[in-house]
Amino acid sequence: MDDATPTTLAEEALLGLLLPFWQLVIGAFVLVVVLVSLRRLAERGPSRMTTALVVTAVAIVGFTVVGVLLES
């Protein structure tokens, strides 16, 4: 028998409905920050853009390797 009260179940259901909304809000905020930072980086010139792309590529490869190693 489950000890959860109907109120608890209703709160969990409400939170379950709101969760995708908050993920959307967080995702939109991250997108705005990335776009603003990319604009500022592009204004600084090609040499900074190249450095930023290399650093980003290395970070992506590093996160991928760590993810694969931890998944095993």
PDB file of N, CA and C in Angstrom:
ATOM      1  N   MET A   1       0.841  -1.186   0.000  1.00  0.00           N
ATOM      2  CA  MET A   1       0.000   0.000   0.000  1.00  0.00           C
ATOM      3  C   MET A   1       0.875   1.234   0.000  1.00  0.00           C
ATOM      4  N   ASP A   2       0.480   2.228  -0.732  1.00  0.00           N
ATOM      5  CA  ASP A   2       1.253   3.443  -0.888  1.00  0.00           C
ATOM      6  C   ASP A   2       0.855   4.458   0.184  1.00  0.00           C
ATOM      7  N   ASP A   3       1.859   5.110   0.817  1.00  0.00           N
ATOM      8  CA  ASP A   3       1.587   6.074   1.880  1.00  0.00           C
ATOM      9  C   ASP A   3       1.340   7.487   1.346  1.00  0.00           C
ATOM     10  N   ALA A   4       1.433   7.696   0.053  1.00  0.00           N
ATOM     11  CA  ALA A   4       1.272   9.038  -0.513  1.00  0.00           C
ATOM     12  C   ALA A   4      -0.181   9.495  -0.400  1.00  0.00           C
ATOM     13  N   THR A   5      -0.341  10.733   0.031  1.00  0.00           N
ATOM     14  CA  THR A   5      -1.683  11.304   0.137  1.00  0.00           C
ATOM     15  C   THR A   5      -2.084  11.883  -1.211  1.00  0.00           C
ATOM     16  N   PRO A   6      -3.361  12.101  -1.456  1.00  0.00           N
ATOM     17  CA  PRO A   6      -3.788  12.702  -2.721  1.00  0.00           C
ATOM     18  C   PRO A   6      -3.185  14.084  -2.950  1.00  0.00           C
ATOM     19  N   THR A   7      -2.956  14.852  -1.878  1.00  0.00           N
ATOM     20  CA  THR A   7      -2.363  16.185  -2.018  1.00  0.00           C
ATOM     21  C   THR A   7      -0.943  16.075  -2.549  1.00  0.00           C
ATOM     22  N   THR A   8      -0.191  15.114  -2.027  1.00  0.00           N
ATOM     23  CA  THR A   8       1.179  14.909  -2.487  1.00  0.00           C
ATOM     24  C   THR A   8       1.195  14.528  -3.957  1.00  0.00           C
ATOM     25  N   LEU A   9       0.281  13.664  -4.351  1.00  0.00           N
ATOM     26  CA  LEU A   9       0.218  13.250  -5.751  1.00  0.00           C
ATOM     27  C   LEU A   9      -0.153  14.425  -6.648  1.00  0.00           C
ATOM     28  N   ALA A  10      -1.056  15.285  -6.182  1.00  0.00           N
ATOM     29  CA  ALA A  10      -1.441  16.458  -6.964  1.00  0.00           C
ATOM     30  C   ALA A  10      -0.267  17.424  -7.115  1.00  0.00           C
ATOM     31  N   GLU A  11       0.505  17.603  -6.055  1.00  0.00           N
ATOM     32  CA  GLU A  11       1.669  18.491  -6.127  1.00  0.00           C
ATOM     33  C   GLU A  11       2.706  17.944  -7.096  1.00  0.00           C
ATOM     34  N   GLU A  12       2.914  16.620  -7.061  1.00  0.00           N
ATOM     35  CA  GLU A  12       3.876  16.011  -7.976  1.00  0.00           C
ATOM     36  C   GLU A  12       3.393  16.126  -9.415  1.00  0.00           C
ATOM     37  N   ALA A  13       2.098  15.993  -9.627  1.00  0.00           N
ATOM     38  CA  ALA A  13       1.553  16.113 -10.977  1.00  0.00           C
ATOM     39  C   ALA A  13       1.717  17.542 -11.490  1.00  0.00           C
ATOM     40  N   LEU A  14       1.476  18.525 -10.621  1.00  0.00           N
ATOM     41  CA  LEU A  14       1.633  19.922 -11.005  1.00  0.00           C
ATOM     42  C   LEU A  14       3.092  20.223 -11.332  1.00  0.00           C
ATOM     43  N   LEU A  15       3.999  19.730 -10.514  1.00  0.00           N
ATOM     44  CA  LEU A  15       5.420  19.922 -10.764  1.00  0.00           C
ATOM     45  C   LEU A  15       5.830  19.256 -12.074  1.00  0.00           C
ATOM     46  N   GLY A  16       5.252  18.098 -12.355  1.00  0.00           N
ATOM     47  CA  GLY A  16       5.539  17.401 -13.607  1.00  0.00           C
ATOM     48  C   GLY A  16       5.096  18.194 -14.819  1.00  0.00           C
ATOM     49  N   LEU A  17       3.997  18.935 -14.694  1.00  0.00           N
ATOM     50  CA  LEU A  17       3.531  19.777 -15.790  1.00  0.00           C
ATOM     51  C   LEU A  17       4.396  21.023 -15.956  1.00  0.00           C
ATOM     52  N   LEU A  18       4.898  21.568 -14.843  1.00  0.00           N
ATOM     53  CA  LEU A  18       5.698  22.790 -14.898  1.00  0.00           C
ATOM     54  C   LEU A  18       7.146  22.535 -15.304  1.00  0.00           C
ATOM     55  N   LEU A  19       7.632  21.330 -15.083  1.00  0.00           N
ATOM     56  CA  LEU A  19       9.036  21.035 -15.343  1.00  0.00           C
ATOM     57  C   LEU A  19       9.444  21.334 -16.781  1.00  0.00           C
ATOM     58  N   PRO A  20       8.706  20.896 -17.799  1.00  0.00           N
ATOM     59  CA  PRO A  20       9.125  21.237 -19.168  1.00  0.00           C
ATOM     60  C   PRO A  20       9.148  22.751 -19.420  1.00  0.00           C
ATOM     61  N   PHE A  21       8.233  23.493 -18.794  1.00  0.00           N
ATOM     62  CA  PHE A  21       8.223  24.948 -18.950  1.00  0.00           C
ATOM     63  C   PHE A  21       9.519  25.553 -18.419  1.00  0.00           C
ATOM     64  N   TRP A  22       9.965  25.120 -17.240  1.00  0.00           N
ATOM     65  CA  TRP A  22      11.185  25.670 -16.669  1.00  0.00           C
ATOM     66  C   TRP A  22      12.397  25.284 -17.485  1.00  0.00           C
ATOM     67  N   GLN A  23      12.388  24.077 -18.060  1.00  0.00           N
ATOM     68  CA  GLN A  23      13.491  23.687 -18.935  1.00  0.00           C
ATOM     69  C   GLN A  23      13.526  24.596 -20.161  1.00  0.00           C
ATOM     70  N   LEU A  24      12.369  24.964 -20.673  1.00  0.00           N
ATOM     71  CA  LEU A  24      12.285  25.868 -21.821  1.00  0.00           C
ATOM     72  C   LEU A  24      12.803  27.257 -21.449  1.00  0.00           C
ATOM     73  N   VAL A  25      12.450  27.744 -20.285  1.00  0.00           N
ATOM     74  CA  VAL A  25      12.913  29.061 -19.832  1.00  0.00           C
ATOM     75  C   VAL A  25      14.433  29.057 -19.671  1.00  0.00           C
ATOM     76  N   ILE A  26      14.966  28.032 -19.046  1.00  0.00           N
ATOM     77  CA  ILE A  26      16.417  27.935 -18.853  1.00  0.00           C
ATOM     78  C   ILE A  26      17.122  27.825 -20.195  1.00  0.00           C
ATOM     79  N   GLY A  27      16.579  27.017 -21.102  1.00  0.00           N
ATOM     80  CA  GLY A  27      17.166  26.874 -22.426  1.00  0.00           C
ATOM     81  C   GLY A  27      17.169  28.181 -23.200  1.00  0.00           C
ATOM     82  N   ALA A  28      16.076  28.945 -23.115  1.00  0.00           N
ATOM     83  CA  ALA A  28      15.995  30.234 -23.798  1.00  0.00           C
ATOM     84  C   ALA A  28      17.020  31.211 -23.222  1.00  0.00           C
ATOM     85  N   PHE A  29      17.162  31.220 -21.916  1.00  0.00           N
ATOM     86  CA  PHE A  29      18.140  32.101 -21.275  1.00  0.00           C
ATOM     87  C   PHE A  29      19.560  31.749 -21.712  1.00  0.00           C
ATOM     88  N   VAL A  30      19.872  30.464 -21.738  1.00  0.00           N
ATOM     89  CA  VAL A  30      21.208  30.033 -22.178  1.00  0.00           C
ATOM     90  C   VAL A  30      21.444  30.426 -23.629  1.00  0.00           C
ATOM     91  N   LEU A  31      20.432  30.268 -24.479  1.00  0.00           N
ATOM     92  CA  LEU A  31      20.560  30.646 -25.886  1.00  0.00           C
ATOM     93  C   LEU A  31      20.846  32.140 -26.038  1.00  0.00           C
ATOM     94  N   VAL A  32      20.152  32.978 -25.289  1.00  0.00           N
ATOM     95  CA  VAL A  32      20.374  34.428 -25.355  1.00  0.00           C
ATOM     96  C   VAL A  32      21.801  34.761 -24.921  1.00  0.00           C
ATOM     97  N   VAL A  33      22.261  34.153 -23.850  1.00  0.00           N
ATOM     98  CA  VAL A  33      23.618  34.427 -23.358  1.00  0.00           C
ATOM     99  C   VAL A  33      24.655  33.988 -24.386  1.00  0.00           C
ATOM    100  N   VAL A  34      24.457  32.826 -24.993  1.00  0.00           N
ATOM    101  CA  VAL A  34      25.406  32.344 -26.010  1.00  0.00           C
ATOM    102  C   VAL A  34      25.423  33.279 -27.220  1.00  0.00           C
ATOM    103  N   LEU A  35      24.251  33.717 -27.670  1.00  0.00           N
ATOM    104  CA  LEU A  35      24.205  34.615 -28.825  1.00  0.00           C
ATOM    105  C   LEU A  35      24.882  35.952 -28.533  1.00  0.00           C
ATOM    106  N   VAL A  36      24.661  36.503 -27.344  1.00  0.00           N
ATOM    107  CA  VAL A  36      25.302  37.767 -26.969  1.00  0.00           C
ATOM    108  C   VAL A  36      26.817  37.589 -26.899  1.00  0.00           C
ATOM    109  N   SER A  37      27.264  36.505 -26.317  1.00  0.00           N
ATOM    110  CA  SER A  37      28.709  36.293 -26.207  1.00  0.00           C
ATOM    111  C   SER A  37      29.339  36.040 -27.575  1.00  0.00           C
ATOM    112  N   LEU A  38      28.623  35.351 -28.472  1.00  0.00           N
ATOM    113  CA  LEU A  38      29.148  35.141 -29.819  1.00  0.00           C
ATOM    114  C   LEU A  38      29.270  36.472 -30.574  1.00  0.00           C
ATOM    115  N   ARG A  39      28.307  37.342 -30.395  1.00  0.00           N
ATOM    116  CA  ARG A  39      28.365  38.650 -31.047  1.00  0.00           C
ATOM    117  C   ARG A  39      29.565  39.448 -30.562  1.00  0.00           C
ATOM    118  N   ARG A  40      29.766  39.459 -29.269  1.00  0.00           N
ATOM    119  CA  ARG A  40      30.912  40.196 -28.709  1.00  0.00           C
ATOM    120  C   ARG A  40      32.225  39.590 -29.181  1.00  0.00           C
ATOM    121  N   LEU A  41      32.278  38.253 -29.252  1.00  0.00           N
ATOM    122  CA  LEU A  41      33.489  37.577 -29.696  1.00  0.00           C
ATOM    123  C   LEU A  41      33.770  37.877 -31.164  1.00  0.00           C
ATOM    124  N   ALA A  42      32.721  37.915 -31.990  1.00  0.00           N
ATOM    125  CA  ALA A  42      32.888  38.215 -33.415  1.00  0.00           C
ATOM    126  C   ALA A  42      33.384  39.645 -33.621  1.00  0.00           C
ATOM    127  N   GLU A  43      32.984  40.552 -32.756  1.00  0.00           N
ATOM    128  CA  GLU A  43      33.427  41.946 -32.856  1.00  0.00           C
ATOM    129  C   GLU A  43      34.911  42.093 -32.543  1.00  0.00           C
ATOM    130  N   ARG A  44      35.472  41.153 -31.809  1.00  0.00           N
ATOM    131  CA  ARG A  44      36.881  41.248 -31.413  1.00  0.00           C
ATOM    132  C   ARG A  44      37.831  40.811 -32.521  1.00  0.00           C
ATOM    133  N   GLY A  45      37.328  40.119 -33.526  1.00  0.00           N
ATOM    134  CA  GLY A  45      38.188  39.803 -34.662  1.00  0.00           C
ATOM    135  C   GLY A  45      38.389  38.327 -34.890  1.00  0.00           C
ATOM    136  N   PRO A  46      38.976  38.010 -36.072  1.00  0.00           N
ATOM    137  CA  PRO A  46      39.142  36.615 -36.485  1.00  0.00           C
ATOM    138  C   PRO A  46      40.073  35.795 -35.593  1.00  0.00           C
ATOM    139  N   SER A  47      41.140  36.391 -35.079  1.00  0.00           N
ATOM    140  CA  SER A  47      42.087  35.610 -34.281  1.00  0.00           C
ATOM    141  C   SER A  47      41.439  35.115 -32.991  1.00  0.00           C
ATOM    142  N   ARG A  48      40.611  35.952 -32.387  1.00  0.00           N
ATOM    143  CA  ARG A  48      39.902  35.523 -31.168  1.00  0.00           C
ATOM    144  C   ARG A  48      38.855  34.472 -31.488  1.00  0.00           C
ATOM    145  N   MET A  49      38.212  34.619 -32.651  1.00  0.00           N
ATOM    146  CA  MET A  49      37.209  33.623 -33.062  1.00  0.00           C
ATOM    147  C   MET A  49      37.858  32.262 -33.260  1.00  0.00           C
ATOM    148  N   THR A  50      39.027  32.239 -33.892  1.00  0.00           N
ATOM    149  CA  THR A  50      39.730  30.976 -34.120  1.00  0.00           C
ATOM    150  C   THR A  50      40.094  30.324 -32.797  1.00  0.00           C
ATOM    151  N   THR A  51      40.617  31.107 -31.878  1.00  0.00           N
ATOM    152  CA  THR A  51      40.969  30.582 -30.554  1.00  0.00           C
ATOM    153  C   THR A  51      39.734  30.050 -29.841  1.00  0.00           C
ATOM    154  N   ALA A  52      38.652  30.783 -29.921  1.00  0.00           N
ATOM    155  CA  ALA A  52      37.415  30.350 -29.253  1.00  0.00           C
ATOM    156  C   ALA A  52      36.884  29.057 -29.859  1.00  0.00           C
ATOM    157  N   LEU A  53      36.945  28.930 -31.179  1.00  0.00           N
ATOM    158  CA  LEU A  53      36.479  27.709 -31.830  1.00  0.00           C
ATOM    159  C   LEU A  53      37.337  26.510 -31.440  1.00  0.00           C
ATOM    160  N   VAL A  54      38.654  26.708 -31.358  1.00  0.00           N
ATOM    161  CA  VAL A  54      39.542  25.609 -30.954  1.00  0.00           C
ATOM    162  C   VAL A  54      39.249  25.195 -29.517  1.00  0.00           C
ATOM    163  N   VAL A  55      39.115  26.160 -28.638  1.00  0.00           N
ATOM    164  CA  VAL A  55      38.818  25.856 -27.228  1.00  0.00           C
ATOM    165  C   VAL A  55      37.481  25.134 -27.107  1.00  0.00           C
ATOM    166  N   THR A  56      36.477  25.591 -27.856  1.00  0.00           N
ATOM    167  CA  THR A  56      35.157  24.958 -27.825  1.00  0.00           C
ATOM    168  C   THR A  56      35.230  23.523 -28.345  1.00  0.00           C
ATOM    169  N   ALA A  57      35.959  23.324 -29.433  1.00  0.00           N
ATOM    170  CA  ALA A  57      36.098  21.975 -29.993  1.00  0.00           C
ATOM    171  C   ALA A  57      36.783  21.037 -29.006  1.00  0.00           C
ATOM    172  N   VAL A  58      37.823  21.520 -28.354  1.00  0.00           N
ATOM    173  CA  VAL A  58      38.526  20.698 -27.363  1.00  0.00           C
ATOM    174  C   VAL A  58      37.604  20.367 -26.189  1.00  0.00           C
ATOM    175  N   ALA A  59      36.801  21.327 -25.759  1.00  0.00           N
ATOM    176  CA  ALA A  59      35.873  21.089 -24.654  1.00  0.00           C
ATOM    177  C   ALA A  59      34.821  20.051 -25.048  1.00  0.00           C
ATOM    178  N   ILE A  60      34.295  20.134 -26.265  1.00  0.00           N
ATOM    179  CA  ILE A  60      33.293  19.167 -26.719  1.00  0.00           C
ATOM    180  C   ILE A  60      33.888  17.770 -26.772  1.00  0.00           C
ATOM    181  N   VAL A  61      35.085  17.657 -27.328  1.00  0.00           N
ATOM    182  CA  VAL A  61      35.737  16.345 -27.393  1.00  0.00           C
ATOM    183  C   VAL A  61      36.013  15.820 -25.990  1.00  0.00           C
ATOM    184  N   GLY A  62      36.463  16.690 -25.102  1.00  0.00           N
ATOM    185  CA  GLY A  62      36.732  16.267 -23.725  1.00  0.00           C
ATOM    186  C   GLY A  62      35.488  15.777 -23.008  1.00  0.00           C
ATOM    187  N   PHE A  63      34.379  16.523 -23.133  1.00  0.00           N
ATOM    188  CA  PHE A  63      33.135  16.097 -22.495  1.00  0.00           C
ATOM    189  C   PHE A  63      32.633  14.783 -23.088  1.00  0.00           C
ATOM    190  N   THR A  64      32.810  14.624 -24.393  1.00  0.00           N
ATOM    191  CA  THR A  64      32.382  13.384 -25.035  1.00  0.00           C
ATOM    192  C   THR A  64      33.193  12.202 -24.525  1.00  0.00           C
ATOM    193  N   VAL A  65      34.492  12.370 -24.433  1.00  0.00           N
ATOM    194  CA  VAL A  65      35.356  11.287 -23.941  1.00  0.00           C
ATOM    195  C   VAL A  65      35.001  10.928 -22.498  1.00  0.00           C
ATOM    196  N   VAL A  66      34.834  11.943 -21.656  1.00  0.00           N
ATOM    197  CA  VAL A  66      34.468  11.683 -20.258  1.00  0.00           C
ATOM    198  C   VAL A  66      33.109  10.976 -20.185  1.00  0.00           C
ATOM    199  N   GLY A  67      32.154  11.403 -20.992  1.00  0.00           N
ATOM    200  CA  GLY A  67      30.835  10.762 -21.012  1.00  0.00           C
ATOM    201  C   GLY A  67      30.904   9.310 -21.429  1.00  0.00           C
ATOM    202  N   VAL A  68      31.697   9.027 -22.454  1.00  0.00           N
ATOM    203  CA  VAL A  68      31.839   7.642 -22.913  1.00  0.00           C
ATOM    204  C   VAL A  68      32.527   6.799 -21.862  1.00  0.00           C
ATOM    205  N   LEU A  69      33.557   7.335 -21.227  1.00  0.00           N
ATOM    206  CA  LEU A  69      34.274   6.571 -20.205  1.00  0.00           C
ATOM    207  C   LEU A  69      33.404   6.297 -18.976  1.00  0.00           C
ATOM    208  N   LEU A  70      32.597   7.272 -18.582  1.00  0.00           N
ATOM    209  CA  LEU A  70      31.735   7.087 -17.411  1.00  0.00           C
ATOM    210  C   LEU A  70      30.553   6.190 -17.710  1.00  0.00           C
ATOM    211  N   GLU A  71      30.168   6.085 -18.979  1.00  0.00           N
ATOM    212  CA  GLU A  71      29.025   5.260 -19.356  1.00  0.00           C
ATOM    213  C   GLU A  71      29.362   3.777 -19.277  1.00  0.00           C
ATOM    214  N   SER A  72      30.612   3.444 -19.490  1.00  0.00           N
ATOM    215  CA  SER A  72      31.033   2.031 -19.508  1.00  0.00           C
ATOM    216  C   SER A  72      30.953   1.367 -18.167  1.00  0.00           C
TER     217      SER A  72
END
